[in-house]
Amino acid sequence: MILSLALAAALSSAPASAAEVSALLHQRTQAFSDAGQQGKGGVMAKYLDDAVVFFNEGGGRAAKADLAQDGPPAPGVDRTITTTDWDCQVHGDVAVTSFVDVVEQGPAGQRQRSRFRGSETLALPEDPPAVALDAHTLDEYAGVYEAAADTRLTFAHRGGDLVASLNGGAESVQKAQARDIVFTPGRGATPKVFQRDAAGKVTGFIYLRGGNSLVFKRVG
């Protein structure tokens, strides 16, 4: 199995140690398998890069679109997958993992067990160099932005930092790649690009996330 997980959305601090990367990838790999057994294609898709390539045990190839559809498990199927024998080697901006998926299925007392060797090759995100922005520019970004009724992001200028909070959650410091382009450290591959009107007023921003980008409009 060759997999490219969306680590840009998962690594929240930079730089992450090899042990932290390994632990995160193990957790994400298990969560991905759990979602697959539950027929939750939408959940699986959240862990995948748009350019993912997946090979199953029979050699069949699948892309993100093939895995992203929700569908209930087959009636009467009781199957679990547990990721064991985990090993992860980090080489610069690439991680290579090796593991064994233990598959158990069947009724209680008659469970059948199979073992499949798997591997993942993953590109790790790198942040662009950060630049300093003046206080006036940070003040221009401060405000409330909305992509949908249940998706609201608030920027605030605190001290010398710009911080962001999604739906009232914990604040995260933002860094600037350039004027009007900011990112969360560890997530440089998914920047936020502020939009301005003809008068230069900030009216919103685009959250660049590959094929799942979001457009936020300023509402406050």
C-alpha atoms as a PDB file:
ATOM      1  CA  MET A   1       0.000   0.000   0.000  1.00  0.00           C
ATOM      2  CA  ILE A   2       1.388   3.404  -0.977  1.00  0.00           C
ATOM      3  CA  LEU A   3      -0.427   6.211   0.756  1.00  0.00           C
ATOM      4  CA  SER A   4      -0.028   9.979   0.900  1.00  0.00           C
ATOM      5  CA  LEU A   5      -1.805  11.229   4.002  1.00  0.00           C
ATOM      6  CA  ALA A   6      -2.826  14.832   4.461  1.00  0.00           C
ATOM      7  CA  LEU A   7      -0.284  15.620   7.139  1.00  0.00           C
ATOM      8  CA  ALA A   8      -0.482  19.324   6.507  1.00  0.00           C
ATOM      9  CA  ALA A   9      -3.767  19.265   8.356  1.00  0.00           C
ATOM     10  CA  ALA A  10      -2.485  17.162  11.182  1.00  0.00           C
ATOM     11  CA  LEU A  11       0.969  18.345  12.218  1.00  0.00           C
ATOM     12  CA  SER A  12       0.215  21.345  14.388  1.00  0.00           C
ATOM     13  CA  SER A  13       3.723  22.263  15.488  1.00  0.00           C
ATOM     14  CA  ALA A  14       6.982  22.549  13.649  1.00  0.00           C
ATOM     15  CA  PRO A  15       9.455  21.084  13.556  1.00  0.00           C
ATOM     16  CA  ALA A  16       8.041  17.736  14.704  1.00  0.00           C
ATOM     17  CA  SER A  17      10.419  15.052  15.927  1.00  0.00           C
ATOM     18  CA  ALA A  18      10.646  11.701  14.160  1.00  0.00           C
ATOM     19  CA  ALA A  19       8.935  10.089  17.164  1.00  0.00           C
ATOM     20  CA  GLU A  20       6.054  12.577  16.968  1.00  0.00           C
ATOM     21  CA  VAL A  21       5.663  11.993  13.231  1.00  0.00           C
ATOM     22  CA  SER A  22       5.670   8.216  13.779  1.00  0.00           C
ATOM     23  CA  ALA A  23       3.058   8.389  16.548  1.00  0.00           C
ATOM     24  CA  LEU A  24       0.806  10.644  14.486  1.00  0.00           C
ATOM     25  CA  LEU A  25       1.048   8.481  11.371  1.00  0.00           C
ATOM     26  CA  HIS A  26       0.298   5.341  13.396  1.00  0.00           C
ATOM     27  CA  GLN A  27      -2.791   6.977  14.875  1.00  0.00           C
ATOM     28  CA  ARG A  28      -3.950   8.257  11.470  1.00  0.00           C
ATOM     29  CA  THR A  29      -3.368   4.899   9.791  1.00  0.00           C
ATOM     30  CA  GLN A  30      -5.456   3.095  12.433  1.00  0.00           C
ATOM     31  CA  ALA A  31      -8.208   5.719  12.207  1.00  0.00           C
ATOM     32  CA  PHE A  32      -8.218   5.373   8.425  1.00  0.00           C
ATOM     33  CA  SER A  33      -8.673   1.588   8.696  1.00  0.00           C
ATOM     34  CA  ASP A  34     -11.413   1.968  11.305  1.00  0.00           C
ATOM     35  CA  ALA A  35     -13.329   4.367   9.061  1.00  0.00           C
ATOM     36  CA  GLY A  36     -13.011   1.945   6.156  1.00  0.00           C
ATOM     37  CA  GLN A  37     -14.564  -0.910   8.130  1.00  0.00           C
ATOM     38  CA  GLN A  38     -17.432   1.371   9.141  1.00  0.00           C
ATOM     39  CA  GLY A  39     -18.120   2.478   5.562  1.00  0.00           C
ATOM     40  CA  LYS A  40     -17.229   6.093   6.359  1.00  0.00           C
ATOM     41  CA  GLY A  41     -15.648   7.185   3.092  1.00  0.00           C
ATOM     42  CA  GLY A  42     -16.007  10.842   3.986  1.00  0.00           C
ATOM     43  CA  VAL A  43     -13.893  10.320   7.088  1.00  0.00           C
ATOM     44  CA  MET A  44     -11.287   8.381   5.101  1.00  0.00           C
ATOM     45  CA  ALA A  45     -11.068  11.227   2.600  1.00  0.00           C
ATOM     46  CA  LYS A  46     -10.084  13.679   5.346  1.00  0.00           C
ATOM     47  CA  TYR A  47      -6.861  11.739   5.882  1.00  0.00           C
ATOM     48  CA  LEU A  48      -5.902  11.657   2.196  1.00  0.00           C
ATOM     49  CA  ASP A  49      -4.036  14.006  -0.091  1.00  0.00           C
ATOM     50  CA  ASP A  50      -5.793  14.798  -3.368  1.00  0.00           C
ATOM     51  CA  ALA A  51      -3.027  12.966  -5.290  1.00  0.00           C
ATOM     52  CA  VAL A  52      -3.076   9.819  -3.137  1.00  0.00           C
ATOM     53  CA  VAL A  53      -2.379   6.442  -4.777  1.00  0.00           C
ATOM     54  CA  PHE A  54      -3.601   3.347  -2.943  1.00  0.00           C
ATOM     55  CA  PHE A  55      -2.857  -0.297  -3.773  1.00  0.00           C
ATOM     56  CA  ASN A  56      -4.869  -2.994  -2.030  1.00  0.00           C
ATOM     57  CA  GLU A  57      -3.764  -6.505  -1.151  1.00  0.00           C
ATOM     58  CA  GLY A  58      -4.776  -7.799  -4.576  1.00  0.00           C
ATOM     59  CA  GLY A  59      -2.795  -5.172  -6.461  1.00  0.00           C
ATOM     60  CA  GLY A  60      -5.811  -3.048  -7.382  1.00  0.00           C
ATOM     61  CA  ARG A  61      -5.186   0.685  -7.608  1.00  0.00           C
ATOM     62  CA  ALA A  62      -7.485   3.379  -6.212  1.00  0.00           C
ATOM     63  CA  ALA A  63      -7.510   7.173  -6.038  1.00  0.00           C
ATOM     64  CA  LYS A  64      -9.071   9.480  -3.445  1.00  0.00           C
ATOM     65  CA  ALA A  65     -12.411   9.616  -5.279  1.00  0.00           C
ATOM     66  CA  ASP A  66     -12.650   5.809  -5.134  1.00  0.00           C
ATOM     67  CA  LEU A  67     -12.349   5.840  -1.343  1.00  0.00           C
ATOM     68  CA  ALA A  68     -14.379   8.929  -0.470  1.00  0.00           C
ATOM     69  CA  GLN A  69     -17.902   7.503  -0.858  1.00  0.00           C
ATOM     70  CA  ASP A  70     -19.879   6.579   2.257  1.00  0.00           C
ATOM     71  CA  GLY A  71     -21.480   3.161   2.284  1.00  0.00           C
ATOM     72  CA  PRO A  72     -22.595   0.859   5.106  1.00  0.00           C
ATOM     73  CA  PRO A  73     -20.684  -2.386   5.684  1.00  0.00           C
ATOM     74  CA  ALA A  74     -22.179  -5.506   4.133  1.00  0.00           C
ATOM     75  CA  PRO A  75     -24.990  -6.943   6.324  1.00  0.00           C
ATOM     76  CA  GLY A  76     -23.732  -9.457   8.856  1.00  0.00           C
ATOM     77  CA  VAL A  77     -20.080  -8.533   8.376  1.00  0.00           C
ATOM     78  CA  ASP A  78     -18.211  -8.039  11.650  1.00  0.00           C
ATOM     79  CA  ARG A  79     -14.644  -7.206  10.725  1.00  0.00           C
ATOM     80  CA  THR A  80     -11.904  -5.269  12.483  1.00  0.00           C
ATOM     81  CA  ILE A  81      -8.410  -4.236  11.415  1.00  0.00           C
ATOM     82  CA  THR A  82      -5.678  -3.602  13.966  1.00  0.00           C
ATOM     83  CA  THR A  83      -2.404  -2.023  12.874  1.00  0.00           C
ATOM     84  CA  THR A  84       0.537  -3.778  14.559  1.00  0.00           C
ATOM     85  CA  ASP A  85       4.320  -4.184  14.166  1.00  0.00           C
ATOM     86  CA  TRP A  86       4.568  -0.479  13.394  1.00  0.00           C
ATOM     87  CA  ASP A  87       7.825   0.991  12.117  1.00  0.00           C
ATOM     88  CA  CYS A  88       8.399   4.485  10.740  1.00  0.00           C
ATOM     89  CA  GLN A  89      11.578   5.944   9.247  1.00  0.00           C
ATOM     90  CA  VAL A  90      11.754   9.672   8.560  1.00  0.00           C
ATOM     91  CA  HIS A  91      14.147  10.859   5.852  1.00  0.00           C
ATOM     92  CA  GLY A  92      13.982  14.641   5.578  1.00  0.00           C
ATOM     93  CA  ASP A  93      10.575  15.493   4.153  1.00  0.00           C
ATOM     94  CA  VAL A  94       9.614  11.855   3.457  1.00  0.00           C
ATOM     95  CA  ALA A  95       8.362   9.196   5.878  1.00  0.00           C
ATOM     96  CA  VAL A  96       8.306   5.481   5.049  1.00  0.00           C
ATOM     97  CA  THR A  97       6.255   3.170   7.257  1.00  0.00           C
ATOM     98  CA  SER A  98       5.912  -0.582   7.541  1.00  0.00           C
ATOM     99  CA  PHE A  99       3.247  -2.417   9.524  1.00  0.00           C
ATOM    100  CA  VAL A 100       1.012  -5.487   9.733  1.00  0.00           C
ATOM    101  CA  ASP A 101      -2.772  -5.222   9.527  1.00  0.00           C
ATOM    102  CA  VAL A 102      -4.384  -7.948  11.613  1.00  0.00           C
ATOM    103  CA  VAL A 103      -7.848  -8.609  10.156  1.00  0.00           C
ATOM    104  CA  GLU A 104     -10.402 -10.447  12.293  1.00  0.00           C
ATOM    105  CA  GLN A 105     -13.882 -11.346  11.088  1.00  0.00           C
ATOM    106  CA  GLY A 106     -16.706 -13.743  11.823  1.00  0.00           C
ATOM    107  CA  PRO A 107     -19.032 -14.443  14.743  1.00  0.00           C
ATOM    108  CA  ALA A 108     -17.807 -14.659  18.340  1.00  0.00           C
ATOM    109  CA  GLY A 109     -16.030 -17.922  19.012  1.00  0.00           C
ATOM    110  CA  GLN A 110     -15.420 -18.477  15.287  1.00  0.00           C
ATOM    111  CA  ARG A 111     -13.310 -15.461  14.464  1.00  0.00           C
ATOM    112  CA  GLN A 112     -10.925 -15.862  11.548  1.00  0.00           C
ATOM    113  CA  ARG A 113      -7.651 -13.977  11.586  1.00  0.00           C
ATOM    114  CA  SER A 114      -5.494 -12.881   8.649  1.00  0.00           C
ATOM    115  CA  ARG A 115      -2.329 -10.790   8.548  1.00  0.00           C
ATOM    116  CA  PHE A 116      -1.363  -8.417   5.741  1.00  0.00           C
ATOM    117  CA  ARG A 117       1.905  -6.529   5.405  1.00  0.00           C
ATOM    118  CA  GLY A 118       1.413  -2.866   4.479  1.00  0.00           C
ATOM    119  CA  SER A 119       3.579   0.168   3.854  1.00  0.00           C
ATOM    120  CA  GLU A 120       3.129   3.875   3.304  1.00  0.00           C
ATOM    121  CA  THR A 121       5.303   6.475   1.606  1.00  0.00           C
ATOM    122  CA  LEU A 122       4.362   9.978   2.676  1.00  0.00           C
ATOM    123  CA  ALA A 123       5.511  13.501   1.868  1.00  0.00           C
ATOM    124  CA  LEU A 124       5.822  15.606   5.016  1.00  0.00           C
ATOM    125  CA  PRO A 125       4.850  19.273   4.839  1.00  0.00           C
ATOM    126  CA  GLU A 126       7.436  22.020   5.057  1.00  0.00           C
ATOM    127  CA  ASP A 127       6.628  25.584   6.044  1.00  0.00           C
ATOM    128  CA  PRO A 128       7.711  28.464   3.812  1.00  0.00           C
ATOM    129  CA  PRO A 129       9.998  31.113   5.342  1.00  0.00           C
ATOM    130  CA  ALA A 130       8.019  33.507   7.532  1.00  0.00           C
ATOM    131  CA  VAL A 131       8.140  37.284   7.118  1.00  0.00           C
ATOM    132  CA  ALA A 132       7.212  40.026   9.579  1.00  0.00           C
ATOM    133  CA  LEU A 133       4.144  42.193   8.963  1.00  0.00           C
ATOM    134  CA  ASP A 134       3.541  45.584  10.512  1.00  0.00           C
ATOM    135  CA  ALA A 135       0.892  46.151  13.162  1.00  0.00           C
ATOM    136  CA  HIS A 136      -1.421  48.053  10.797  1.00  0.00           C
ATOM    137  CA  THR A 137      -1.572  45.100   8.386  1.00  0.00           C
ATOM    138  CA  LEU A 138      -2.316  42.673  11.230  1.00  0.00           C
ATOM    139  CA  ASP A 139      -5.095  44.991  12.399  1.00  0.00           C
ATOM    140  CA  GLU A 140      -6.569  44.858   8.885  1.00  0.00           C
ATOM    141  CA  TYR A 141      -6.894  41.073   9.120  1.00  0.00           C
ATOM    142  CA  ALA A 142      -8.572  41.102  12.555  1.00  0.00           C
ATOM    143  CA  GLY A 143     -12.233  40.188  12.249  1.00  0.00           C
ATOM    144  CA  VAL A 144     -14.776  37.400  11.828  1.00  0.00           C
ATOM    145  CA  TYR A 145     -15.014  35.379   8.613  1.00  0.00           C
ATOM    146  CA  GLU A 146     -17.564  32.778   7.575  1.00  0.00           C
ATOM    147  CA  ALA A 147     -17.561  30.016   4.957  1.00  0.00           C
ATOM    148  CA  ALA A 148     -20.861  28.501   6.112  1.00  0.00           C
ATOM    149  CA  ALA A 149     -23.250  28.901   9.022  1.00  0.00           C
ATOM    150  CA  ASP A 150     -21.258  26.351  11.021  1.00  0.00           C
ATOM    151  CA  THR A 151     -17.785  27.321   9.793  1.00  0.00           C
ATOM    152  CA  ARG A 152     -16.560  30.588  11.262  1.00  0.00           C
ATOM    153  CA  LEU A 153     -12.958  31.692  11.732  1.00  0.00           C
ATOM    154  CA  THR A 154     -11.914  34.679  13.821  1.00  0.00           C
ATOM    155  CA  PHE A 155      -8.583  36.492  13.484  1.00  0.00           C
ATOM    156  CA  ALA A 156      -7.247  38.709  16.272  1.00  0.00           C
ATOM    157  CA  HIS A 157      -4.108  40.821  16.659  1.00  0.00           C
ATOM    158  CA  ARG A 158      -2.568  39.987  20.029  1.00  0.00           C
ATOM    159  CA  GLY A 159       0.725  41.613  20.911  1.00  0.00           C
ATOM    160  CA  GLY A 160       2.903  41.106  17.875  1.00  0.00           C
ATOM    161  CA  ASP A 161       1.022  38.030  16.650  1.00  0.00           C
ATOM    162  CA  LEU A 162      -1.975  37.265  14.483  1.00  0.00           C
ATOM    163  CA  VAL A 163      -4.017  34.433  16.008  1.00  0.00           C
ATOM    164  CA  ALA A 164      -6.912  32.439  14.565  1.00  0.00           C
ATOM    165  CA  SER A 165      -9.777  30.560  16.194  1.00  0.00           C
ATOM    166  CA  LEU A 166     -12.181  28.208  14.422  1.00  0.00           C
ATOM    167  CA  ASN A 167     -15.752  28.240  15.761  1.00  0.00           C
ATOM    168  CA  GLY A 168     -14.638  29.652  19.102  1.00  0.00           C
ATOM    169  CA  GLY A 169     -11.999  26.971  19.675  1.00  0.00           C
ATOM    170  CA  ALA A 170      -8.409  27.315  20.806  1.00  0.00           C
ATOM    171  CA  GLU A 171      -6.378  30.084  19.222  1.00  0.00           C
ATOM    172  CA  SER A 172      -3.402  29.281  16.989  1.00  0.00           C
ATOM    173  CA  VAL A 173      -0.658  31.703  16.021  1.00  0.00           C
ATOM    174  CA  GLN A 174      -0.458  32.524  12.317  1.00  0.00           C
ATOM    175  CA  LYS A 175       2.727  33.285  10.376  1.00  0.00           C
ATOM    176  CA  ALA A 176       2.970  35.313   7.185  1.00  0.00           C
ATOM    177  CA  GLN A 177       4.445  33.931   3.993  1.00  0.00           C
ATOM    178  CA  ALA A 178       3.959  37.334   2.354  1.00  0.00           C
ATOM    179  CA  ARG A 179       1.547  40.236   2.670  1.00  0.00           C
ATOM    180  CA  ASP A 180      -2.007  38.818   2.660  1.00  0.00           C
ATOM    181  CA  ILE A 181      -0.797  35.180   2.825  1.00  0.00           C
ATOM    182  CA  VAL A 182      -0.709  33.521   6.265  1.00  0.00           C
ATOM    183  CA  PHE A 183      -0.423  29.952   7.520  1.00  0.00           C
ATOM    184  CA  THR A 184      -0.503  27.919  10.714  1.00  0.00           C
ATOM    185  CA  PRO A 185       3.018  26.699  11.613  1.00  0.00           C
ATOM    186  CA  GLY A 186       3.315  23.067  10.537  1.00  0.00           C
ATOM    187  CA  ARG A 187       0.586  23.579   7.933  1.00  0.00           C
ATOM    188  CA  GLY A 188       2.396  25.694   5.392  1.00  0.00           C
ATOM    189  CA  ALA A 189       0.917  23.678   2.531  1.00  0.00           C
ATOM    190  CA  THR A 190      -2.552  25.059   3.334  1.00  0.00           C
ATOM    191  CA  PRO A 191      -2.230  28.865   3.525  1.00  0.00           C
ATOM    192  CA  LYS A 192      -4.964  31.442   3.860  1.00  0.00           C
ATOM    193  CA  VAL A 193      -4.956  34.173   1.192  1.00  0.00           C
ATOM    194  CA  PHE A 194      -6.736  37.395   2.121  1.00  0.00           C
ATOM    195  CA  GLN A 195      -8.880  39.130  -0.494  1.00  0.00           C
ATOM    196  CA  ARG A 196      -9.260  42.912  -0.831  1.00  0.00           C
ATOM    197  CA  ASP A 197     -11.720  45.134  -2.643  1.00  0.00           C
ATOM    198  CA  ALA A 198     -10.833  47.994  -4.998  1.00  0.00           C
ATOM    199  CA  ALA A 199     -10.335  50.307  -2.013  1.00  0.00           C
ATOM    200  CA  GLY A 200      -7.880  47.895  -0.390  1.00  0.00           C
ATOM    201  CA  LYS A 201     -10.220  46.759   2.401  1.00  0.00           C
ATOM    202  CA  VAL A 202      -9.963  43.101   3.463  1.00  0.00           C
ATOM    203  CA  THR A 203     -13.235  41.407   2.454  1.00  0.00           C
ATOM    204  CA  GLY A 204     -12.443  37.746   3.062  1.00  0.00           C
ATOM    205  CA  PHE A 205      -9.894  35.050   2.415  1.00  0.00           C
ATOM    206  CA  ILE A 206      -9.464  31.759   0.583  1.00  0.00           C
ATOM    207  CA  TYR A 207      -8.290  28.776   2.634  1.00  0.00           C
ATOM    208  CA  LEU A 208      -6.245  26.849   0.082  1.00  0.00           C
ATOM    209  CA  ARG A 209      -6.637  23.084   0.667  1.00  0.00           C
ATOM    210  CA  GLY A 210      -6.040  21.509  -2.728  1.00  0.00           C
ATOM    211  CA  GLY A 211      -9.333  20.377  -4.206  1.00  0.00           C
ATOM    212  CA  ASN A 212     -11.184  21.275  -0.974  1.00  0.00           C
ATOM    213  CA  SER A 213     -10.432  24.989  -0.720  1.00  0.00           C
ATOM    214  CA  LEU A 214     -12.866  27.169   1.235  1.00  0.00           C
ATOM    215  CA  VAL A 215     -13.909  30.750   0.567  1.00  0.00           C
ATOM    216  CA  PHE A 216     -14.516  32.825   3.703  1.00  0.00           C
ATOM    217  CA  LYS A 217     -16.398  36.139   3.582  1.00  0.00           C
ATOM    218  CA  ARG A 218     -15.878  38.815   6.209  1.00  0.00           C
ATOM    219  CA  VAL A 219     -18.951  39.141   8.451  1.00  0.00           C
ATOM    220  CA  GLY A 220     -17.566  41.172  11.332  1.00  0.00           C
END
